[in-house]
PDB file of N, CA and C in Angstrom:
ATOM      1  N   MET A   1      51.309 120.529 147.791  1.00  0.00           N
ATOM      2  CA  MET A   1      52.520 121.506 147.595  1.00  0.00           C
ATOM      3  C   MET A   1      53.796 120.655 147.139  1.00  0.00           C
ATOM      4  N   GLN A   2      54.200 121.089 146.509  1.00  0.00           N
ATOM      5  CA  GLN A   2      55.621 120.654 145.965  1.00  0.00           C
ATOM      6  C   GLN A   2      56.955 121.091 146.676  1.00  0.00           C
ATOM      7  N   VAL A   3      57.763 119.923 146.765  1.00  0.00           N
ATOM      8  CA  VAL A   3      59.308 119.999 147.398  1.00  0.00           C
ATOM      9  C   VAL A   3      60.044 119.836 146.438  1.00  0.00           C
ATOM     10  N   GLN A   4      61.468 120.208 146.719  1.00  0.00           N
ATOM     11  CA  GLN A   4      62.428 119.421 145.494  1.00  0.00           C
ATOM     12  C   GLN A   4      63.639 119.566 146.362  1.00  0.00           C
ATOM     13  N   ALA A   5      64.623 118.537 145.667  1.00  0.00           N
ATOM     14  CA  ALA A   5      65.923 118.593 146.213  1.00  0.00           C
ATOM     15  C   ALA A   5      66.812 118.194 145.003  1.00  0.00           C
ATOM     16  N   LYS A   6      68.157 118.874 144.767  1.00  0.00           N
ATOM     17  CA  LYS A   6      68.852 118.705 143.655  1.00  0.00           C
ATOM     18  C   LYS A   6      70.232 118.172 144.038  1.00  0.00           C
ATOM     19  N   LEU A   7      70.634 117.264 143.184  1.00  0.00           N
ATOM     20  CA  LEU A   7      72.170 116.991 143.578  1.00  0.00           C
ATOM     21  C   LEU A   7      73.043 117.125 142.363  1.00  0.00           C
ATOM     22  N   ARG A   8      74.075 117.985 142.437  1.00  0.00           N
ATOM     23  CA  ARG A   8      74.686 118.441 141.214  1.00  0.00           C
ATOM     24  C   ARG A   8      76.271 118.086 141.419  1.00  0.00           C
ATOM     25  N   HIS A   9      76.747 117.737 140.035  1.00  0.00           N
ATOM     26  CA  HIS A   9      78.031 117.507 139.821  1.00  0.00           C
ATOM     27  C   HIS A   9      78.375 115.959 140.258  1.00  0.00           C
ATOM     28  N   PHE A  10      77.155 115.063 140.086  1.00  0.00           N
ATOM     29  CA  PHE A  10      77.356 113.466 140.742  1.00  0.00           C
ATOM     30  C   PHE A  10      78.064 112.641 139.717  1.00  0.00           C
ATOM     31  N   ARG A  11      79.095 112.256 140.055  1.00  0.00           N
ATOM     32  CA  ARG A  11      80.218 111.446 139.066  1.00  0.00           C
ATOM     33  C   ARG A  11      79.797 110.109 138.489  1.00  0.00           C
ATOM     34  N   VAL A  12      78.255 110.241 137.908  1.00  0.00           N
ATOM     35  CA  VAL A  12      77.736 109.019 137.213  1.00  0.00           C
ATOM     36  C   VAL A  12      77.444 109.624 135.852  1.00  0.00           C
ATOM     37  N   ALA A  13      77.354 108.974 134.893  1.00  0.00           N
ATOM     38  CA  ALA A  13      76.794 109.037 133.525  1.00  0.00           C
ATOM     39  C   ALA A  13      75.364 109.403 133.692  1.00  0.00           C
ATOM     40  N   PRO A  14      74.685 110.256 133.084  1.00  0.00           N
ATOM     41  CA  PRO A  14      73.449 110.556 133.142  1.00  0.00           C
ATOM     42  C   PRO A  14      72.650 109.642 132.723  1.00  0.00           C
ATOM     43  N   ARG A  15      72.999 108.627 131.732  1.00  0.00           N
ATOM     44  CA  ARG A  15      72.332 107.627 131.338  1.00  0.00           C
ATOM     45  C   ARG A  15      72.126 106.408 132.263  1.00  0.00           C
ATOM     46  N   LYS A  16      73.118 106.188 133.106  1.00  0.00           N
ATOM     47  CA  LYS A  16      73.333 105.415 133.966  1.00  0.00           C
ATOM     48  C   LYS A  16      72.357 105.871 135.148  1.00  0.00           C
ATOM     49  N   ALA A  17      72.240 107.094 135.693  1.00  0.00           N
ATOM     50  CA  ALA A  17      71.554 107.648 136.645  1.00  0.00           C
ATOM     51  C   ALA A  17      70.051 107.619 136.438  1.00  0.00           C
ATOM     52  N   ARG A  18      69.661 107.704 134.966  1.00  0.00           N
ATOM     53  CA  ARG A  18      68.341 107.662 134.457  1.00  0.00           C
ATOM     54  C   ARG A  18      67.867 106.515 134.819  1.00  0.00           C
ATOM     55  N   LEU A  19      68.334 105.264 134.905  1.00  0.00           N
ATOM     56  CA  LEU A  19      67.961 103.902 134.810  1.00  0.00           C
ATOM     57  C   LEU A  19      67.309 103.851 136.267  1.00  0.00           C
ATOM     58  N   VAL A  20      67.815 104.399 137.201  1.00  0.00           N
ATOM     59  CA  VAL A  20      67.495 104.521 138.588  1.00  0.00           C
ATOM     60  C   VAL A  20      66.296 105.249 139.061  1.00  0.00           C
ATOM     61  N   THR A  21      66.436 106.461 138.635  1.00  0.00           N
ATOM     62  CA  THR A  21      65.331 107.549 138.586  1.00  0.00           C
ATOM     63  C   THR A  21      64.076 106.848 137.986  1.00  0.00           C
ATOM     64  N   ASP A  22      64.186 106.361 136.930  1.00  0.00           N
ATOM     65  CA  ASP A  22      62.868 105.773 136.099  1.00  0.00           C
ATOM     66  C   ASP A  22      62.182 104.863 137.175  1.00  0.00           C
ATOM     67  N   LEU A  23      63.004 104.208 137.928  1.00  0.00           N
ATOM     68  CA  LEU A  23      62.251 103.013 138.813  1.00  0.00           C
ATOM     69  C   LEU A  23      61.405 103.664 139.716  1.00  0.00           C
ATOM     70  N   ILE A  24      61.881 104.911 140.244  1.00  0.00           N
ATOM     71  CA  ILE A  24      60.875 105.400 141.450  1.00  0.00           C
ATOM     72  C   ILE A  24      59.934 106.791 141.163  1.00  0.00           C
ATOM     73  N   LYS A  25      59.844 106.861 139.731  1.00  0.00           N
ATOM     74  CA  LYS A  25      58.839 107.921 139.372  1.00  0.00           C
ATOM     75  C   LYS A  25      57.440 107.334 139.641  1.00  0.00           C
ATOM     76  N   GLY A  26      56.765 108.366 140.324  1.00  0.00           N
ATOM     77  CA  GLY A  26      55.475 107.840 140.749  1.00  0.00           C
ATOM     78  C   GLY A  26      55.227 107.231 141.954  1.00  0.00           C
ATOM     79  N   MET A  27      56.139 106.521 142.713  1.00  0.00           N
ATOM     80  CA  MET A  27      56.089 105.992 143.817  1.00  0.00           C
ATOM     81  C   MET A  27      55.839 106.737 145.002  1.00  0.00           C
ATOM     82  N   ASP A  28      55.359 106.022 146.009  1.00  0.00           N
ATOM     83  CA  ASP A  28      55.225 106.713 147.554  1.00  0.00           C
ATOM     84  C   ASP A  28      56.615 106.705 147.865  1.00  0.00           C
ATOM     85  N   VAL A  29      56.846 107.595 148.861  1.00  0.00           N
ATOM     86  CA  VAL A  29      58.487 107.791 149.505  1.00  0.00           C
ATOM     87  C   VAL A  29      58.945 106.455 149.846  1.00  0.00           C
ATOM     88  N   GLU A  30      58.049 106.199 151.050  1.00  0.00           N
ATOM     89  CA  GLU A  30      58.441 104.811 151.592  1.00  0.00           C
ATOM     90  C   GLU A  30      58.663 103.690 150.355  1.00  0.00           C
ATOM     91  N   LYS A  31      57.904 103.401 149.662  1.00  0.00           N
ATOM     92  CA  LYS A  31      58.176 102.304 148.649  1.00  0.00           C
ATOM     93  C   LYS A  31      59.411 102.746 147.656  1.00  0.00           C
ATOM     94  N   ALA A  32      59.707 104.074 147.533  1.00  0.00           N
ATOM     95  CA  ALA A  32      60.750 104.419 146.388  1.00  0.00           C
ATOM     96  C   ALA A  32      62.139 104.122 147.466  1.00  0.00           C
ATOM     97  N   ILE A  33      62.146 104.376 148.892  1.00  0.00           N
ATOM     98  CA  ILE A  33      63.265 103.997 149.676  1.00  0.00           C
ATOM     99  C   ILE A  33      63.479 102.562 149.780  1.00  0.00           C
ATOM    100  N   ASN A  34      62.331 101.747 149.671  1.00  0.00           N
ATOM    101  CA  ASN A  34      62.840 100.414 149.940  1.00  0.00           C
ATOM    102  C   ASN A  34      63.207  99.854 148.484  1.00  0.00           C
ATOM    103  N   THR A  35      62.696 100.404 147.413  1.00  0.00           N
ATOM    104  CA  THR A  35      63.223 100.165 146.039  1.00  0.00           C
ATOM    105  C   THR A  35      64.759 100.509 145.692  1.00  0.00           C
ATOM    106  N   LEU A  36      65.013 101.683 146.173  1.00  0.00           N
ATOM    107  CA  LEU A  36      66.409 102.116 146.096  1.00  0.00           C
ATOM    108  C   LEU A  36      67.518 101.184 147.039  1.00  0.00           C
ATOM    109  N   ARG A  37      66.856 100.758 148.430  1.00  0.00           N
ATOM    110  CA  ARG A  37      67.604 100.253 149.189  1.00  0.00           C
ATOM    111  C   ARG A  37      68.318  98.817 148.516  1.00  0.00           C
ATOM    112  N   PHE A  38      67.481  98.246 147.724  1.00  0.00           N
ATOM    113  CA  PHE A  38      67.746  97.087 147.101  1.00  0.00           C
ATOM    114  C   PHE A  38      68.283  96.979 145.751  1.00  0.00           C
ATOM    115  N   THR A  39      68.365  98.392 145.135  1.00  0.00           N
ATOM    116  CA  THR A  39      68.812  98.383 143.624  1.00  0.00           C
ATOM    117  C   THR A  39      70.381  98.322 143.695  1.00  0.00           C
ATOM    118  N   GLN A  40      71.039  97.680 143.038  1.00  0.00           N
ATOM    119  CA  GLN A  40      72.385  97.560 143.016  1.00  0.00           C
ATOM    120  C   GLN A  40      73.023  98.315 141.733  1.00  0.00           C
ATOM    121  N   LYS A  41      73.038  99.427 142.137  1.00  0.00           N
ATOM    122  CA  LYS A  41      73.673 100.415 141.186  1.00  0.00           C
ATOM    123  C   LYS A  41      74.200 101.541 141.782  1.00  0.00           C
ATOM    124  N   LYS A  42      75.393 101.961 141.236  1.00  0.00           N
ATOM    125  CA  LYS A  42      76.063 103.029 142.081  1.00  0.00           C
ATOM    126  C   LYS A  42      75.369 104.332 142.373  1.00  0.00           C
ATOM    127  N   SER A  43      74.643 104.780 141.371  1.00  0.00           N
ATOM    128  CA  SER A  43      73.569 105.938 141.613  1.00  0.00           C
ATOM    129  C   SER A  43      72.496 105.641 143.034  1.00  0.00           C
ATOM    130  N   ALA A  44      72.338 104.630 143.278  1.00  0.00           N
ATOM    131  CA  ALA A  44      71.095 104.276 144.123  1.00  0.00           C
ATOM    132  C   ALA A  44      71.081 105.023 145.365  1.00  0.00           C
ATOM    133  N   PRO A  45      72.320 104.745 146.033  1.00  0.00           N
ATOM    134  CA  PRO A  45      72.554 105.141 147.613  1.00  0.00           C
ATOM    135  C   PRO A  45      72.599 106.638 147.532  1.00  0.00           C
ATOM    136  N   ALA A  46      73.281 107.505 146.386  1.00  0.00           N
ATOM    137  CA  ALA A  46      73.060 108.787 146.389  1.00  0.00           C
ATOM    138  C   ALA A  46      71.501 109.246 146.049  1.00  0.00           C
ATOM    139  N   ILE A  47      70.530 108.745 145.455  1.00  0.00           N
ATOM    140  CA  ILE A  47      69.386 108.943 144.935  1.00  0.00           C
ATOM    141  C   ILE A  47      68.573 108.618 146.098  1.00  0.00           C
ATOM    142  N   MET A  48      68.905 107.724 147.144  1.00  0.00           N
ATOM    143  CA  MET A  48      68.105 107.677 148.162  1.00  0.00           C
ATOM    144  C   MET A  48      68.374 108.690 149.381  1.00  0.00           C
ATOM    145  N   LYS A  49      69.737 109.052 149.250  1.00  0.00           N
ATOM    146  CA  LYS A  49      70.087 110.153 150.558  1.00  0.00           C
ATOM    147  C   LYS A  49      69.220 111.436 149.944  1.00  0.00           C
ATOM    148  N   LEU A  50      69.274 111.608 148.313  1.00  0.00           N
ATOM    149  CA  LEU A  50      68.635 112.922 148.157  1.00  0.00           C
ATOM    150  C   LEU A  50      67.099 112.868 148.267  1.00  0.00           C
ATOM    151  N   LEU A  51      66.404 111.811 148.026  1.00  0.00           N
ATOM    152  CA  LEU A  51      65.142 111.540 148.478  1.00  0.00           C
ATOM    153  C   LEU A  51      64.907 111.816 149.971  1.00  0.00           C
ATOM    154  N   GLN A  52      65.789 111.450 150.623  1.00  0.00           N
ATOM    155  CA  GLN A  52      65.475 111.642 152.169  1.00  0.00           C
ATOM    156  C   GLN A  52      65.630 113.126 152.486  1.00  0.00           C
ATOM    157  N   SER A  53      66.532 113.803 151.685  1.00  0.00           N
ATOM    158  CA  SER A  53      66.882 115.070 151.689  1.00  0.00           C
ATOM    159  C   SER A  53      65.755 115.886 151.289  1.00  0.00           C
ATOM    160  N   ALA A  54      64.935 115.515 150.475  1.00  0.00           N
ATOM    161  CA  ALA A  54      63.418 115.912 149.920  1.00  0.00           C
ATOM    162  C   ALA A  54      62.548 115.906 150.868  1.00  0.00           C
ATOM    163  N   VAL A  55      62.431 114.794 151.431  1.00  0.00           N
ATOM    164  CA  VAL A  55      61.469 114.595 152.530  1.00  0.00           C
ATOM    165  C   VAL A  55      61.884 115.662 153.840  1.00  0.00           C
ATOM    166  N   ALA A  56      62.877 115.893 154.238  1.00  0.00           N
ATOM    167  CA  ALA A  56      63.433 116.754 155.386  1.00  0.00           C
ATOM    168  C   ALA A  56      63.001 118.031 154.696  1.00  0.00           C
ATOM    169  N   ASN A  57      63.211 118.321 153.724  1.00  0.00           N
ATOM    170  CA  ASN A  57      62.818 119.766 152.961  1.00  0.00           C
ATOM    171  C   ASN A  57      61.307 119.861 153.299  1.00  0.00           C
ATOM    172  N   ALA A  58      60.481 118.830 153.134  1.00  0.00           N
ATOM    173  CA  ALA A  58      59.044 118.989 153.124  1.00  0.00           C
ATOM    174  C   ALA A  58      58.643 119.079 154.801  1.00  0.00           C
ATOM    175  N   ASP A  59      59.258 118.237 155.663  1.00  0.00           N
ATOM    176  CA  ASP A  59      59.249 118.320 156.934  1.00  0.00           C
ATOM    177  C   ASP A  59      59.540 119.909 157.428  1.00  0.00           C
ATOM    178  N   GLN A  60      60.639 120.431 157.139  1.00  0.00           N
ATOM    179  CA  GLN A  60      60.959 121.727 157.427  1.00  0.00           C
ATOM    180  C   GLN A  60      59.884 122.946 156.964  1.00  0.00           C
ATOM    181  N   LYS A  61      59.042 122.590 155.838  1.00  0.00           N
ATOM    182  CA  LYS A  61      58.128 123.579 155.455  1.00  0.00           C
ATOM    183  C   LYS A  61      56.940 123.688 156.629  1.00  0.00           C
ATOM    184  N   GLY A  62      56.637 122.291 157.160  1.00  0.00           N
ATOM    185  CA  GLY A  62      55.688 122.254 158.261  1.00  0.00           C
ATOM    186  C   GLY A  62      54.379 122.137 157.749  1.00  0.00           C
ATOM    187  N   ASP A  63      53.966 122.710 156.643  1.00  0.00           N
ATOM    188  CA  ASP A  63      52.242 122.461 156.290  1.00  0.00           C
ATOM    189  C   ASP A  63      52.038 121.190 155.521  1.00  0.00           C
ATOM    190  N   ILE A  64      53.024 120.237 155.407  1.00  0.00           N
ATOM    191  CA  ILE A  64      53.148 119.397 154.399  1.00  0.00           C
ATOM    192  C   ILE A  64      52.851 118.043 155.112  1.00  0.00           C
ATOM    193  N   ASP A  65      51.840 117.319 154.616  1.00  0.00           N
ATOM    194  CA  ASP A  65      51.810 115.926 155.247  1.00  0.00           C
ATOM    195  C   ASP A  65      52.905 114.965 154.651  1.00  0.00           C
ATOM    196  N   VAL A  66      54.092 114.619 155.524  1.00  0.00           N
ATOM    197  CA  VAL A  66      55.129 113.669 155.088  1.00  0.00           C
ATOM    198  C   VAL A  66      54.812 112.353 154.509  1.00  0.00           C
ATOM    199  N   ASP A  67      53.674 111.758 155.374  1.00  0.00           N
ATOM    200  CA  ASP A  67      53.287 110.544 155.083  1.00  0.00           C
ATOM    201  C   ASP A  67      52.638 110.205 153.726  1.00  0.00           C
ATOM    202  N   ALA A  68      51.942 111.574 153.051  1.00  0.00           N
ATOM    203  CA  ALA A  68      51.300 111.549 151.866  1.00  0.00           C
ATOM    204  C   ALA A  68      52.251 111.715 150.645  1.00  0.00           C
ATOM    205  N   LEU A  69      53.491 111.823 150.815  1.00  0.00           N
ATOM    206  CA  LEU A  69      54.394 112.376 149.654  1.00  0.00           C
ATOM    207  C   LEU A  69      54.765 111.358 148.810  1.00  0.00           C
ATOM    208  N   TYR A  70      54.765 111.331 147.513  1.00  0.00           N
ATOM    209  CA  TYR A  70      55.210 110.436 146.495  1.00  0.00           C
ATOM    210  C   TYR A  70      56.137 111.540 145.548  1.00  0.00           C
ATOM    211  N   VAL A  71      56.891 110.809 144.815  1.00  0.00           N
ATOM    212  CA  VAL A  71      57.694 111.086 143.785  1.00  0.00           C
ATOM    213  C   VAL A  71      56.970 111.525 142.673  1.00  0.00           C
ATOM    214  N   ARG A  72      56.790 112.926 142.285  1.00  0.00           N
ATOM    215  CA  ARG A  72      56.085 113.640 141.418  1.00  0.00           C
ATOM    216  C   ARG A  72      56.804 113.392 139.869  1.00  0.00           C
ATOM    217  N   HIS A  73      58.151 113.943 140.054  1.00  0.00           N
ATOM    218  CA  HIS A  73      59.177 113.952 138.889  1.00  0.00           C
ATOM    219  C   HIS A  73      60.363 113.735 139.447  1.00  0.00           C
ATOM    220  N   ALA A  74      61.170 112.934 138.625  1.00  0.00           N
ATOM    221  CA  ALA A  74      62.526 112.698 138.911  1.00  0.00           C
ATOM    222  C   ALA A  74      63.099 112.764 137.462  1.00  0.00           C
ATOM    223  N   PHE A  75      64.241 113.493 137.480  1.00  0.00           N
ATOM    224  CA  PHE A  75      64.913 113.372 136.174  1.00  0.00           C
ATOM    225  C   PHE A  75      66.342 114.121 136.237  1.00  0.00           C
ATOM    226  N   VAL A  76      67.064 113.667 135.240  1.00  0.00           N
ATOM    227  CA  VAL A  76      68.652 113.646 135.309  1.00  0.00           C
ATOM    228  C   VAL A  76      68.952 114.488 134.124  1.00  0.00           C
ATOM    229  N   ASP A  77      69.849 115.529 134.467  1.00  0.00           N
ATOM    230  CA  ASP A  77      70.232 116.162 133.267  1.00  0.00           C
ATOM    231  C   ASP A  77      72.171 116.246 133.490  1.00  0.00           C
ATOM    232  N   GLU A  78      72.562 116.380 132.310  1.00  0.00           N
ATOM    233  CA  GLU A  78      74.022 116.227 131.990  1.00  0.00           C
ATOM    234  C   GLU A  78      74.419 117.512 132.716  1.00  0.00           C
ATOM    235  N   GLY A  79      75.632 117.306 133.284  1.00  0.00           N
ATOM    236  CA  GLY A  79      76.457 117.869 134.042  1.00  0.00           C
ATOM    237  C   GLY A  79      77.707 118.330 133.254  1.00  0.00           C
ATOM    238  N   PRO A  80      78.721 118.999 133.656  1.00  0.00           N
ATOM    239  CA  PRO A  80      79.877 119.286 132.737  1.00  0.00           C
ATOM    240  C   PRO A  80      80.684 117.610 132.810  1.00  0.00           C
ATOM    241  N   THR A  81      81.341 117.674 131.774  1.00  0.00           N
ATOM    242  CA  THR A  81      82.188 116.458 131.319  1.00  0.00           C
ATOM    243  C   THR A  81      83.792 116.751 131.763  1.00  0.00           C
ATOM    244  N   LEU A  82      84.194 115.936 132.577  1.00  0.00           N
ATOM    245  CA  LEU A  82      85.834 116.094 132.751  1.00  0.00           C
ATOM    246  C   LEU A  82      86.369 115.261 131.559  1.00  0.00           C
ATOM    247  N   ARG A  83      87.376 115.919 130.866  1.00  0.00           N
ATOM    248  CA  ARG A  83      88.273 115.333 129.703  1.00  0.00           C
ATOM    249  C   ARG A  83      89.500 114.989 130.244  1.00  0.00           C
ATOM    250  N   ARG A  84      89.830 113.741 130.090  1.00  0.00           N
ATOM    251  CA  ARG A  84      91.068 113.193 130.234  1.00  0.00           C
ATOM    252  C   ARG A  84      91.559 112.462 128.990  1.00  0.00           C
ATOM    253  N   PHE A  85      92.941 112.368 129.054  1.00  0.00           N
ATOM    254  CA  PHE A  85      93.620 111.908 127.831  1.00  0.00           C
ATOM    255  C   PHE A  85      94.312 110.411 128.163  1.00  0.00           C
ATOM    256  N   LYS A  86      94.125 109.420 127.544  1.00  0.00           N
ATOM    257  CA  LYS A  86      95.088 108.188 127.669  1.00  0.00           C
ATOM    258  C   LYS A  86      95.860 107.814 126.610  1.00  0.00           C
ATOM    259  N   PRO A  87      97.055 107.569 126.924  1.00  0.00           N
ATOM    260  CA  PRO A  87      98.228 107.078 125.809  1.00  0.00           C
ATOM    261  C   PRO A  87      97.452 105.779 125.258  1.00  0.00           C
ATOM    262  N   ARG A  88      97.905 105.851 123.794  1.00  0.00           N
ATOM    263  CA  ARG A  88      97.549 104.716 123.091  1.00  0.00           C
ATOM    264  C   ARG A  88      98.839 104.256 122.176  1.00  0.00           C
ATOM    265  N   ALA A  89      98.494 103.398 121.443  1.00  0.00           N
ATOM    266  CA  ALA A  89      99.670 102.747 120.511  1.00  0.00           C
ATOM    267  C   ALA A  89     100.122 103.815 119.607  1.00  0.00           C
ATOM    268  N   MET A  90     101.346 103.634 119.027  1.00  0.00           N
ATOM    269  CA  MET A  90     101.897 104.462 118.321  1.00  0.00           C
ATOM    270  C   MET A  90     101.974 106.059 118.365  1.00  0.00           C
ATOM    271  N   GLY A  91     102.092 106.454 119.685  1.00  0.00           N
ATOM    272  CA  GLY A  91     102.195 107.891 120.093  1.00  0.00           C
ATOM    273  C   GLY A  91     100.919 108.614 120.049  1.00  0.00           C
ATOM    274  N   ARG A  92      99.833 107.933 119.650  1.00  0.00           N
ATOM    275  CA  ARG A  92      98.590 108.571 119.770  1.00  0.00           C
ATOM    276  C   ARG A  92      97.677 108.580 121.250  1.00  0.00           C
ATOM    277  N   ALA A  93      96.914 109.263 121.412  1.00  0.00           N
ATOM    278  CA  ALA A  93      96.085 109.571 122.555  1.00  0.00           C
ATOM    279  C   ALA A  93      94.499 109.564 122.436  1.00  0.00           C
ATOM    280  N   THR A  94      93.896 109.170 123.274  1.00  0.00           N
ATOM    281  CA  THR A  94      92.316 108.936 123.089  1.00  0.00           C
ATOM    282  C   THR A  94      91.758 109.733 124.320  1.00  0.00           C
ATOM    283  N   ARG A  95      90.715 110.435 123.916  1.00  0.00           N
ATOM    284  CA  ARG A  95      89.978 111.122 125.016  1.00  0.00           C
ATOM    285  C   ARG A  95      89.373 110.198 125.858  1.00  0.00           C
ATOM    286  N   ILE A  96      89.072 110.434 127.225  1.00  0.00           N
ATOM    287  CA  ILE A  96      88.360 109.862 127.946  1.00  0.00           C
ATOM    288  C   ILE A  96      87.459 110.927 128.650  1.00  0.00           C
ATOM    289  N   ARG A  97      86.010 110.622 128.707  1.00  0.00           N
ATOM    290  CA  ARG A  97      85.122 111.608 128.891  1.00  0.00           C
ATOM    291  C   ARG A  97      84.551 111.014 130.461  1.00  0.00           C
ATOM    292  N   LYS A  98      84.681 111.760 131.328  1.00  0.00           N
ATOM    293  CA  LYS A  98      83.946 111.333 132.423  1.00  0.00           C
ATOM    294  C   LYS A  98      83.027 112.209 132.984  1.00  0.00           C
ATOM    295  N   ARG A  99      81.765 111.704 132.613  1.00  0.00           N
ATOM    296  CA  ARG A  99      80.659 112.575 132.738  1.00  0.00           C
ATOM    297  C   ARG A  99      80.064 112.652 134.059  1.00  0.00           C
ATOM    298  N   THR A 100      79.244 113.765 134.432  1.00  0.00           N
ATOM    299  CA  THR A 100      78.608 113.930 135.415  1.00  0.00           C
ATOM    300  C   THR A 100      77.308 114.129 135.179  1.00  0.00           C
ATOM    301  N   SER A 101      76.438 114.389 136.436  1.00  0.00           N
ATOM    302  CA  SER A 101      74.925 114.334 136.424  1.00  0.00           C
ATOM    303  C   SER A 101      74.367 115.248 137.379  1.00  0.00           C
ATOM    304  N   HIS A 102      73.406 116.149 136.998  1.00  0.00           N
ATOM    305  CA  HIS A 102      72.410 116.846 137.877  1.00  0.00           C
ATOM    306  C   HIS A 102      71.403 116.142 138.164  1.00  0.00           C
ATOM    307  N   ILE A 103      71.019 115.781 139.569  1.00  0.00           N
ATOM    308  CA  ILE A 103      69.701 114.979 139.608  1.00  0.00           C
ATOM    309  C   ILE A 103      68.676 115.891 140.425  1.00  0.00           C
ATOM    310  N   THR A 104      67.320 115.897 140.007  1.00  0.00           N
ATOM    311  CA  THR A 104      66.409 116.680 140.475  1.00  0.00           C
ATOM    312  C   THR A 104      65.145 115.761 140.959  1.00  0.00           C
ATOM    313  N   LEU A 105      64.700 115.760 142.177  1.00  0.00           N
ATOM    314  CA  LEU A 105      63.717 115.248 142.525  1.00  0.00           C
ATOM    315  C   LEU A 105      62.558 116.076 143.063  1.00  0.00           C
ATOM    316  N   ILE A 106      61.325 116.035 142.425  1.00  0.00           N
ATOM    317  CA  ILE A 106      60.217 116.726 143.109  1.00  0.00           C
ATOM    318  C   ILE A 106      59.206 115.970 143.563  1.00  0.00           C
ATOM    319  N   LEU A 107      59.063 116.201 145.021  1.00  0.00           N
ATOM    320  CA  LEU A 107      57.887 115.427 145.727  1.00  0.00           C
ATOM    321  C   LEU A 107      56.621 116.273 145.956  1.00  0.00           C
ATOM    322  N   ASP A 108      55.556 115.635 145.899  1.00  0.00           N
ATOM    323  CA  ASP A 108      54.149 116.091 146.118  1.00  0.00           C
ATOM    324  C   ASP A 108      53.418 115.490 146.918  1.00  0.00           C
ATOM    325  N   ASP A 109      52.437 116.211 147.562  1.00  0.00           N
ATOM    326  CA  ASP A 109      51.334 115.331 148.449  1.00  0.00           C
ATOM    327  C   ASP A 109      49.969 115.371 147.957  1.00  0.00           C
ATOM    328  N   GLU A 110      49.750 115.939 146.750  1.00  0.00           N
ATOM    329  CA  GLU A 110      48.576 115.860 146.206  1.00  0.00           C
ATOM    330  C   GLU A 110      48.483 115.127 144.872  1.00  0.00           C
ATOM    331  N   ARG A 111      47.798 114.256 144.526  1.00  0.00           N
ATOM    332  CA  ARG A 111      47.850 113.159 143.526  1.00  0.00           C
ATOM    333  C   ARG A 111      46.798 113.874 142.485  1.00  0.00           C
TER     334      ARG A 111
END
C-alpha cells in the first residue's frame, strides 16, 4: 500500500532539490535516512523530515508494515518563483528569480 507526503513552497531551486531526491529513490527508509543525514546539501534536512513524515503517515494508517517501507517515487516539481530586482550599473535593473520547489515522496511496502 502506498503512502505519500508533500512539501510545498520549499525555498530551494528544483534542480538542486532533485540532486538529493535522486539519491534516495528505491532505497529502504532506514538507508535513505542515513544517506540524507550525511548529505551536505541545503535540501537534505528538509527531505529527511519529509521522509519521516511519510513514515508517520504510514504508521497512522495501521495496516502497513513500517519496517518494510521503501521510497517508491521521489520527485520535485517547480513551485512559484519570487521575482526581485537588483540595481545594476548605468541605471539598469536585473531580475533575480528566487525559485521554489514542491517535493513529493511516495513510499510503498510491496516491491
